[in-house]
């Protein structure tokens, strides 16, 4: 079933409250997804010539201090900020160089990469995730969140949402794709790699491929309507903002609301009702196959 939320801060004065509001929204989606939860937050953009990676370790108690020392031998300008079994790395190396270097650390995988994105996710209840990763303390411009009820793949951290397969690009998904296995093989032949068998990761990979081919986000989503078979609501995060897309039938629920201070979406209105000023917001159900997006100028 799953629950998805998205919040875009239009009023910069409210950026310090991003995490608190996203936490409240995620908690309202607990019944839709008790198996695992995750969030992508856009914040603390790194300087030119550097990238930011969010890493996940399969070890219960990873030795990030030892990892930091080894990484500094590879890149003296790197930094490692641990968050339990996750860590945010800033580096002057390229993504490809980091991927090659990480091959000697089989227990570590990349959750996200880019200038601004950080992705945290873990199996267990949304309340536990929010508390463990201190989501309420996040500041930033926008964030996406997901609570998962596993139907297509195993209940693991790796299979949890959000998924990211391109710089500052992520996707959360409520629904099911029927042609994801065929698409996965087609995308692999075009150089897109995958870490799981989750159909949502295929959707994220598809969008990354379309962007690499020169599409803008709206064009990539228009192609997605043509090429992705199934029932879905997508929320897609980018460096500049986020977008919402439902399948042509509009089978899966979604609600959008907007005020002068923020724009938000969720699987159910009760999540949006937690936001300040929600009672006076413009509220509507997104039309099938229509793209809605918000971004910084």
Protein backbone atom coordinates (compact mmCIF):
# COMPACT_ATOMS: atom_id res chain seq x y z
CA UNK A 1 0.00 0.00 0.00
CA UNK A 2 2.69 2.50 1.13
CA UNK A 3 2.45 6.16 2.04
CA UNK A 4 4.32 9.02 0.42
CA UNK A 5 4.78 12.65 1.43
CA UNK A 6 6.51 15.65 -0.07
CA UNK A 7 7.07 19.16 1.26
CA UNK A 8 8.53 22.11 -0.63
CA UNK A 9 9.29 25.24 1.39
CA UNK A 10 8.47 28.42 -0.52
CA UNK A 11 9.13 30.79 2.38
CA UNK A 12 12.85 30.62 3.34
CA UNK A 13 11.99 31.58 6.91
CA UNK A 14 10.36 28.16 7.33
CA UNK A 15 13.34 26.08 6.16
CA UNK A 16 14.38 25.46 9.77
CA UNK A 17 11.01 23.74 10.34
CA UNK A 18 11.21 21.36 7.38
CA UNK A 19 12.10 18.27 9.40
CA UNK A 20 9.48 18.85 12.07
CA UNK A 21 6.71 19.08 9.49
CA UNK A 22 7.94 16.12 7.43
CA UNK A 23 8.11 14.04 10.61
CA UNK A 24 4.50 14.83 11.42
CA UNK A 25 3.46 13.93 7.88
CA UNK A 26 5.35 10.61 7.96
CA UNK A 27 3.79 9.61 11.26
CA UNK A 28 0.34 10.03 9.72
CA UNK A 29 1.36 7.52 7.03
CA UNK A 30 2.41 4.82 9.52
CA UNK A 31 -0.61 2.62 8.91
CA UNK A 32 0.04 2.66 5.17
CA UNK A 33 3.63 1.51 5.62
CA UNK A 34 4.72 -0.14 8.88
CA UNK A 35 7.64 -2.14 7.42
CA UNK A 36 10.18 0.61 6.80
CA UNK A 37 10.53 4.34 6.30
CA UNK A 38 12.85 6.79 4.62
CA UNK A 39 13.39 10.42 3.75
CA UNK A 40 15.30 12.42 1.17
CA UNK A 41 16.20 15.91 2.36
CA UNK A 42 17.72 18.66 0.24
CA UNK A 43 20.03 20.85 2.30
CA UNK A 44 23.60 22.09 2.87
CA UNK A 45 24.60 22.32 -0.79
CA UNK A 46 28.32 21.63 -1.21
CA UNK A 47 30.79 23.93 -2.90
CA UNK A 48 31.76 23.78 -6.55
CA UNK A 49 34.21 20.95 -7.23
CA UNK A 50 32.79 18.76 -4.46
CA UNK A 51 30.01 16.20 -4.22
CA UNK A 52 28.04 14.73 -1.35
CA UNK A 53 27.27 11.03 -0.91
CA UNK A 54 24.96 9.37 1.58
CA UNK A 55 26.32 5.92 2.40
CA UNK A 56 24.64 2.95 4.05
CA UNK A 57 26.53 0.17 5.80
CA UNK A 58 25.08 -3.32 6.15
CA UNK A 59 26.98 -3.67 9.44
CA UNK A 60 24.91 -3.04 12.56
CA UNK A 61 27.65 -0.92 14.13
CA UNK A 62 29.98 0.26 11.37
CA UNK A 63 33.38 1.66 12.27
CA UNK A 64 33.01 5.00 10.55
CA UNK A 65 36.18 6.30 12.24
CA UNK A 66 38.28 3.66 10.50
CA UNK A 67 36.40 4.33 7.27
CA UNK A 68 37.17 8.06 7.65
CA UNK A 69 40.89 7.39 8.05
CA UNK A 70 40.99 5.20 4.96
CA UNK A 71 39.03 7.73 2.93
CA UNK A 72 41.38 10.54 3.93
CA UNK A 73 44.27 8.53 2.51
CA UNK A 74 42.36 8.57 -0.78
CA UNK A 75 41.09 12.16 -0.50
CA UNK A 76 42.62 14.36 2.17
CA UNK A 77 39.84 16.93 1.68
CA UNK A 78 37.02 14.50 2.44
CA UNK A 79 34.71 14.59 5.47
CA UNK A 80 32.58 11.82 7.00
CA UNK A 81 29.57 12.57 9.21
CA UNK A 82 28.09 9.36 10.70
CA UNK A 83 24.35 8.91 11.27
CA UNK A 84 24.06 5.43 12.84
CA UNK A 85 24.53 2.95 9.95
CA UNK A 86 24.48 5.84 7.46
CA UNK A 87 27.12 8.49 6.82
CA UNK A 88 27.28 11.65 4.73
CA UNK A 89 30.56 12.00 2.85
CA UNK A 90 31.76 15.18 1.18
CA UNK A 91 34.59 14.69 -1.28
CA UNK A 92 36.50 16.37 -4.08
CA UNK A 93 36.59 13.08 -6.00
CA UNK A 94 34.09 12.30 -8.75
CA UNK A 95 31.23 9.87 -8.29
CA UNK A 96 32.95 7.36 -10.58
CA UNK A 97 36.18 7.61 -8.57
CA UNK A 98 34.26 7.07 -5.34
CA UNK A 99 32.38 4.09 -6.78
CA UNK A 100 35.69 2.50 -7.75
CA UNK A 101 37.23 3.19 -4.33
CA UNK A 102 34.18 1.78 -2.52
CA UNK A 103 34.57 -1.57 -4.27
CA UNK A 104 36.99 -2.49 -1.48
CA UNK A 105 34.23 -1.80 1.07
CA UNK A 106 31.64 -4.39 0.10
CA UNK A 107 29.52 -3.64 3.17
CA UNK A 108 28.94 -0.02 2.06
CA UNK A 109 26.58 1.13 -0.68
CA UNK A 110 25.61 4.56 -1.98
CA UNK A 111 22.11 5.77 -1.12
CA UNK A 112 22.43 9.07 -2.98
CA UNK A 113 24.87 11.42 -4.65
CA UNK A 114 24.83 15.02 -5.76
CA UNK A 115 25.28 18.53 -4.45
CA UNK A 116 22.35 18.77 -2.07
CA UNK A 117 20.55 15.47 -1.49
CA UNK A 118 20.81 13.20 1.55
CA UNK A 119 18.83 9.94 1.81
CA UNK A 120 18.23 8.01 5.02
CA UNK A 121 16.10 4.88 5.22
CA UNK A 122 15.69 1.88 7.49
CA UNK A 123 13.39 -1.06 8.11
CA UNK A 124 11.06 -0.78 11.09
CA UNK A 125 8.28 1.59 12.05
CA UNK A 126 8.15 5.20 10.82
CA UNK A 127 8.20 6.40 14.44
CA UNK A 128 11.42 4.47 15.10
CA UNK A 129 12.99 5.85 11.92
CA UNK A 130 12.06 9.43 12.78
CA UNK A 131 13.44 9.09 16.30
CA UNK A 132 16.65 7.25 15.34
CA UNK A 133 17.60 9.64 12.53
CA UNK A 134 16.33 12.79 14.30
CA UNK A 135 14.30 13.73 11.25
CA UNK A 136 12.51 16.50 13.16
CA UNK A 137 15.82 18.41 13.38
CA UNK A 138 16.36 18.59 9.62
CA UNK A 139 16.55 21.97 7.96
CA UNK A 140 16.40 22.42 4.21
CA UNK A 141 14.46 23.56 1.17
CA UNK A 142 12.41 20.43 0.49
CA UNK A 143 12.05 16.76 1.37
CA UNK A 144 10.30 13.57 0.33
CA UNK A 145 9.31 10.74 2.64
CA UNK A 146 8.01 7.19 2.34
CA UNK A 147 6.48 4.55 4.58
CA UNK A 148 6.54 1.08 3.08
CA UNK A 149 4.28 -1.95 3.13
CA UNK A 150 6.36 -4.48 1.22
CA UNK A 151 4.48 -6.24 -1.58
CA UNK A 152 7.04 -6.50 -4.40
CA UNK A 153 10.29 -7.30 -2.60
CA UNK A 154 11.91 -8.10 0.75
CA UNK A 155 11.68 -6.02 3.91
CA UNK A 156 15.24 -4.73 4.02
CA UNK A 157 16.90 -1.35 4.27
CA UNK A 158 18.15 -1.72 0.70
CA UNK A 159 14.62 -2.21 -0.64
CA UNK A 160 13.24 0.75 1.27
CA UNK A 161 12.49 4.12 -0.34
CA UNK A 162 13.56 6.70 -1.46
CA UNK A 163 15.59 5.44 -4.41
CA UNK A 164 18.19 7.56 -6.16
CA UNK A 165 19.98 6.69 -9.39
CA UNK A 166 21.20 10.12 -10.52
CA UNK A 167 22.73 13.26 -9.08
CA UNK A 168 20.25 14.90 -6.70
CA UNK A 169 17.45 12.77 -8.19
CA UNK A 170 15.20 10.58 -6.07
CA UNK A 171 11.82 8.91 -6.27
CA UNK A 172 9.23 7.55 -3.87
CA UNK A 173 6.45 5.37 -5.18
CA UNK A 174 3.07 4.07 -4.12
CA UNK A 175 1.87 1.36 -6.48
CA UNK A 176 3.17 -1.43 -8.66
CA UNK A 177 4.86 -1.60 -12.07
CA UNK A 178 4.06 -4.60 -14.27
CA UNK A 179 6.93 -4.25 -16.76
CA UNK A 180 9.82 -3.45 -14.40
CA UNK A 181 11.82 -6.63 -15.11
CA UNK A 182 11.95 -5.97 -18.85
CA UNK A 183 12.71 -2.29 -18.29
CA UNK A 184 15.50 -3.12 -15.85
CA UNK A 185 17.31 -5.21 -18.47
CA UNK A 186 16.81 -2.56 -21.15
CA UNK A 187 18.17 0.14 -18.86
CA UNK A 188 21.16 -1.97 -17.84
CA UNK A 189 22.07 -2.24 -21.51
CA UNK A 190 22.09 1.57 -21.55
CA UNK A 191 24.48 1.84 -18.62
CA UNK A 192 22.02 2.27 -15.74
CA UNK A 193 22.93 0.14 -12.70
CA UNK A 194 20.64 -1.17 -9.98
CA UNK A 195 21.22 -2.37 -6.42
CA UNK A 196 17.92 -4.21 -5.80
CA UNK A 197 15.03 -5.95 -7.56
CA UNK A 198 12.55 -3.29 -6.38
CA UNK A 199 10.26 -1.94 -9.11
CA UNK A 200 10.53 1.58 -7.68
CA UNK A 201 14.27 1.61 -8.31
CA UNK A 202 13.52 0.83 -11.96
CA UNK A 203 11.28 3.91 -12.16
CA UNK A 204 14.06 6.03 -10.65
CA UNK A 205 16.58 4.53 -13.08
CA UNK A 206 14.28 5.19 -16.00
CA UNK A 207 14.02 8.88 -15.12
CA UNK A 208 17.79 9.11 -14.72
CA UNK A 209 18.26 7.59 -18.18
CA UNK A 210 15.81 10.04 -19.77
CA UNK A 211 17.61 12.96 -18.13
CA UNK A 212 20.95 11.64 -19.40
CA UNK A 213 19.41 11.52 -22.87
CA UNK A 214 18.77 15.25 -22.65
CA UNK A 215 15.18 15.42 -21.41
CA UNK A 216 14.09 17.97 -18.89
CA UNK A 217 12.18 16.57 -15.93
CA UNK A 218 8.76 17.27 -17.48
CA UNK A 219 9.75 15.55 -20.74
CA UNK A 220 11.15 12.57 -18.82
CA UNK A 221 7.88 12.20 -16.92
CA UNK A 222 5.83 12.44 -20.12
CA UNK A 223 7.91 9.56 -21.50
CA UNK A 224 7.37 7.67 -18.23
CA UNK A 225 3.62 7.75 -18.77
CA UNK A 226 4.19 6.05 -22.13
CA UNK A 227 6.79 3.50 -21.02
CA UNK A 228 5.95 2.54 -17.43
CA UNK A 229 3.05 0.11 -17.14
CA UNK A 230 1.19 -0.19 -13.86
CA UNK A 231 -0.60 1.75 -11.17
CA UNK A 232 1.42 4.41 -9.37
CA UNK A 233 1.78 7.75 -7.73
CA UNK A 234 5.32 9.13 -7.99
CA UNK A 235 6.91 11.95 -6.04
CA UNK A 236 10.24 12.92 -7.60
CA UNK A 237 12.88 15.05 -5.93
CA UNK A 238 15.45 17.15 -7.78
CA UNK A 239 18.05 19.68 -6.70
CA UNK A 240 15.64 22.53 -7.44
CA UNK A 241 12.36 21.09 -6.17
CA UNK A 242 9.95 18.20 -6.58
CA UNK A 243 7.23 16.88 -8.87
CA UNK A 244 4.18 14.63 -8.63
CA UNK A 245 2.81 12.24 -11.26
CA UNK A 246 -0.04 9.71 -11.19
CA UNK A 247 -0.59 6.98 -13.76
CA UNK A 248 -3.16 7.56 -16.57
CA UNK A 249 -5.92 5.80 -14.63
CA UNK A 250 -5.23 7.55 -11.32
CA UNK A 251 -5.70 4.39 -9.32
CA UNK A 252 -3.46 5.25 -6.37
CA UNK A 253 -4.49 8.06 -4.00
CA UNK A 254 -2.79 11.44 -3.85
CA UNK A 255 -3.61 14.88 -2.49
CA UNK A 256 -1.81 18.17 -3.19
CA UNK A 257 -2.07 21.39 -1.18
CA UNK A 258 -0.42 24.79 -1.54
CA UNK A 259 -0.12 28.04 0.38
CA UNK A 260 2.10 31.09 -0.01
CA UNK A 261 4.59 29.39 2.33
CA UNK A 262 4.72 25.80 1.08
CA UNK A 263 3.53 23.17 -1.39
CA UNK A 264 2.88 19.62 -0.21
CA UNK A 265 1.60 16.26 -1.36
CA UNK A 266 0.65 13.06 0.38
CA UNK A 267 -1.21 9.82 -0.10
CA UNK A 268 -3.86 11.09 2.33
CA UNK A 269 -5.03 14.52 3.45
CA UNK A 270 -4.46 13.72 7.14
CA UNK A 271 -0.71 14.16 6.59
CA UNK A 272 -1.17 17.57 4.98
CA UNK A 273 -3.53 18.59 7.79
CA UNK A 274 -0.50 18.64 10.13
CA UNK A 275 1.04 21.60 8.29
CA UNK A 276 0.65 25.22 9.45
CA UNK A 277 -2.05 27.02 7.51
CA UNK A 278 -3.44 23.80 6.00
CA UNK A 279 -7.00 24.88 6.76
CA UNK A 280 -6.63 27.81 4.36
CA UNK A 281 -4.58 25.99 1.70
CA UNK A 282 -5.67 25.36 -1.86
CA UNK A 283 -6.29 21.60 -1.92
CA UNK A 284 -6.91 19.31 -4.88
CA UNK A 285 -6.56 15.78 -6.18
CA UNK A 286 -3.94 15.62 -8.97
CA UNK A 287 -5.32 14.61 -12.33
CA UNK A 288 -4.12 11.35 -13.91
CA UNK A 289 -1.03 11.64 -16.14
CA UNK A 290 -0.63 15.36 -15.35
CA UNK A 291 2.67 16.65 -14.01
CA UNK A 292 2.73 19.02 -11.04
CA UNK A 293 6.05 20.56 -10.03
CA UNK A 294 7.61 23.23 -7.83
CA UNK A 295 11.14 24.52 -7.92
CA UNK A 296 13.43 27.33 -6.86
CA UNK A 297 13.97 30.01 -9.43
